[in-house]
Amino acid sequence: MLPYEYMTKEYYSTIETANIFRVSRKTVFLWIKMGKIEATKVGRNFIVPHSSIVEKLGKTLGTEKKAEIETSIDRAMKDFEQTFRKLGKE
């Protein structure tokens, strides 16, 4: 992967995206189709925004990941509220 600091473009082609992640272009198309990475169709190809690449690299949290974390926290609070309270008193 390219170091995060060197990624300065606003949009990347599927080939550039594949090079960043060290995967095939076919894998990038699969990620786009599965919704794992955001992309915009331009003509016959796709462009991938910088923010989507940074999110996929794990440098930032996307809205879907934030919602997943919030759901997990809510579930844990509901299931283990008494245990957390007892641990907090120690």
C-alpha atoms as a PDB file:
ATOM      1  CA  MET A   1       0.000   0.000   0.000  1.00  0.00           C
ATOM      2  CA  LEU A   2       1.070   3.532  -0.582  1.00  0.00           C
ATOM      3  CA  PRO A   3       1.760   5.572   2.522  1.00  0.00           C
ATOM      4  CA  TYR A   4      -1.303   7.592   3.443  1.00  0.00           C
ATOM      5  CA  GLU A   5       0.644  10.879   3.275  1.00  0.00           C
ATOM      6  CA  TYR A   6       1.415  10.416  -0.435  1.00  0.00           C
ATOM      7  CA  MET A   7      -2.212  10.021  -1.448  1.00  0.00           C
ATOM      8  CA  THR A   8      -3.099  13.545  -2.567  1.00  0.00           C
ATOM      9  CA  LYS A   9      -5.588  13.076  -5.403  1.00  0.00           C
ATOM     10  CA  GLU A  10      -9.299  13.639  -4.886  1.00  0.00           C
ATOM     11  CA  TYR A  11     -10.296  10.641  -7.053  1.00  0.00           C
ATOM     12  CA  TYR A  12      -8.488   7.478  -8.126  1.00  0.00           C
ATOM     13  CA  SER A  13      -9.043   5.157 -11.060  1.00  0.00           C
ATOM     14  CA  THR A  14      -9.763   1.496 -10.447  1.00  0.00           C
ATOM     15  CA  ILE A  15      -6.208   0.660 -11.517  1.00  0.00           C
ATOM     16  CA  GLU A  16      -4.741   3.154  -9.033  1.00  0.00           C
ATOM     17  CA  THR A  17      -7.061   1.852  -6.319  1.00  0.00           C
ATOM     18  CA  ALA A  18      -5.965  -1.713  -7.045  1.00  0.00           C
ATOM     19  CA  ASN A  19      -2.322  -0.649  -6.785  1.00  0.00           C
ATOM     20  CA  ILE A  20      -2.929   1.093  -3.451  1.00  0.00           C
ATOM     21  CA  PHE A  21      -4.499  -2.031  -1.954  1.00  0.00           C
ATOM     22  CA  ARG A  22      -2.217  -4.424  -3.859  1.00  0.00           C
ATOM     23  CA  VAL A  23      -5.153  -6.337  -5.282  1.00  0.00           C
ATOM     24  CA  SER A  24      -6.380  -6.927  -8.808  1.00  0.00           C
ATOM     25  CA  ARG A  25      -8.592  -4.487 -10.661  1.00  0.00           C
ATOM     26  CA  LYS A  26     -11.209  -7.247 -10.704  1.00  0.00           C
ATOM     27  CA  THR A  27     -11.190  -7.237  -6.884  1.00  0.00           C
ATOM     28  CA  VAL A  28     -11.782  -3.474  -6.866  1.00  0.00           C
ATOM     29  CA  PHE A  29     -14.790  -3.949  -9.168  1.00  0.00           C
ATOM     30  CA  LEU A  30     -16.071  -6.670  -6.832  1.00  0.00           C
ATOM     31  CA  TRP A  31     -15.691  -4.346  -3.811  1.00  0.00           C
ATOM     32  CA  ILE A  32     -17.612  -1.650  -5.685  1.00  0.00           C
ATOM     33  CA  LYS A  33     -20.379  -4.080  -6.625  1.00  0.00           C
ATOM     34  CA  MET A  34     -20.605  -5.377  -3.030  1.00  0.00           C
ATOM     35  CA  GLY A  35     -20.656  -1.844  -1.631  1.00  0.00           C
ATOM     36  CA  LYS A  36     -17.409  -2.297   0.295  1.00  0.00           C
ATOM     37  CA  ILE A  37     -15.930   0.745  -1.379  1.00  0.00           C
ATOM     38  CA  GLU A  38     -17.740   3.803  -2.719  1.00  0.00           C
ATOM     39  CA  ALA A  39     -17.278   4.711  -6.380  1.00  0.00           C
ATOM     40  CA  THR A  40     -18.847   6.837  -9.083  1.00  0.00           C
ATOM     41  CA  LYS A  41     -19.374   5.585 -12.611  1.00  0.00           C
ATOM     42  CA  VAL A  42     -17.789   7.830 -15.231  1.00  0.00           C
ATOM     43  CA  GLY A  43     -18.378   6.608 -18.742  1.00  0.00           C
ATOM     44  CA  ARG A  44     -17.457   2.928 -18.793  1.00  0.00           C
ATOM     45  CA  ASN A  45     -15.231   3.072 -15.735  1.00  0.00           C
ATOM     46  CA  PHE A  46     -15.416   4.013 -12.059  1.00  0.00           C
ATOM     47  CA  ILE A  47     -13.574   6.582  -9.990  1.00  0.00           C
ATOM     48  CA  VAL A  48     -13.014   6.043  -6.296  1.00  0.00           C
ATOM     49  CA  PRO A  49     -12.971   9.068  -3.964  1.00  0.00           C
ATOM     50  CA  HIS A  50     -10.016   9.618  -1.666  1.00  0.00           C
ATOM     51  CA  SER A  51     -12.310   9.437   1.387  1.00  0.00           C
ATOM     52  CA  SER A  52     -13.467   5.953   0.418  1.00  0.00           C
ATOM     53  CA  ILE A  53      -9.898   4.698   0.116  1.00  0.00           C
ATOM     54  CA  VAL A  54      -8.924   6.215   3.467  1.00  0.00           C
ATOM     55  CA  GLU A  55     -11.956   4.583   5.068  1.00  0.00           C
ATOM     56  CA  LYS A  56     -11.125   1.188   3.532  1.00  0.00           C
ATOM     57  CA  LEU A  57      -7.542   1.529   4.763  1.00  0.00           C
ATOM     58  CA  GLY A  58      -8.955   1.960   8.260  1.00  0.00           C
ATOM     59  CA  LYS A  59      -7.688   5.503   8.737  1.00  0.00           C
ATOM     60  CA  THR A  60     -11.200   6.841   9.374  1.00  0.00           C
ATOM     61  CA  LEU A  61     -14.564   5.394  10.340  1.00  0.00           C
ATOM     62  CA  GLY A  62     -17.416   5.612   7.897  1.00  0.00           C
ATOM     63  CA  THR A  63     -21.031   6.119   8.884  1.00  0.00           C
ATOM     64  CA  GLU A  64     -21.779   2.410   8.497  1.00  0.00           C
ATOM     65  CA  LYS A  65     -18.938   1.431  10.837  1.00  0.00           C
ATOM     66  CA  LYS A  66     -19.933   4.108  13.350  1.00  0.00           C
ATOM     67  CA  ALA A  67     -23.498   2.799  13.367  1.00  0.00           C
ATOM     68  CA  GLU A  68     -22.240  -0.772  13.815  1.00  0.00           C
ATOM     69  CA  ILE A  69     -20.094   0.286  16.786  1.00  0.00           C
ATOM     70  CA  GLU A  70     -22.982   2.196  18.371  1.00  0.00           C
ATOM     71  CA  THR A  71     -25.245  -0.837  17.986  1.00  0.00           C
ATOM     72  CA  SER A  72     -22.639  -3.078  19.611  1.00  0.00           C
ATOM     73  CA  ILE A  73     -22.204  -0.661  22.518  1.00  0.00           C
ATOM     74  CA  ASP A  74     -25.971  -0.397  23.032  1.00  0.00           C
ATOM     75  CA  ARG A  75     -26.291  -4.181  22.992  1.00  0.00           C
ATOM     76  CA  ALA A  76     -23.443  -4.582  25.483  1.00  0.00           C
ATOM     77  CA  MET A  77     -24.940  -1.942  27.789  1.00  0.00           C
ATOM     78  CA  LYS A  78     -28.307  -3.674  27.670  1.00  0.00           C
ATOM     79  CA  ASP A  79     -26.875  -7.159  28.287  1.00  0.00           C
ATOM     80  CA  PHE A  80     -24.188  -6.284  30.835  1.00  0.00           C
ATOM     81  CA  GLU A  81     -25.394  -3.088  32.502  1.00  0.00           C
ATOM     82  CA  GLN A  82     -25.346  -4.535  36.042  1.00  0.00           C
ATOM     83  CA  THR A  83     -21.900  -6.057  35.526  1.00  0.00           C
ATOM     84  CA  PHE A  84     -20.517  -2.727  34.250  1.00  0.00           C
ATOM     85  CA  ARG A  85     -21.978  -0.931  37.269  1.00  0.00           C
ATOM     86  CA  LYS A  86     -20.357  -3.411  39.670  1.00  0.00           C
ATOM     87  CA  LEU A  87     -17.010  -3.122  37.887  1.00  0.00           C
ATOM     88  CA  GLY A  88     -17.264   0.666  38.025  1.00  0.00           C
ATOM     89  CA  LYS A  89     -17.630   0.563  41.821  1.00  0.00           C
ATOM     90  CA  GLU A  90     -14.415  -1.435  42.303  1.00  0.00           C
END
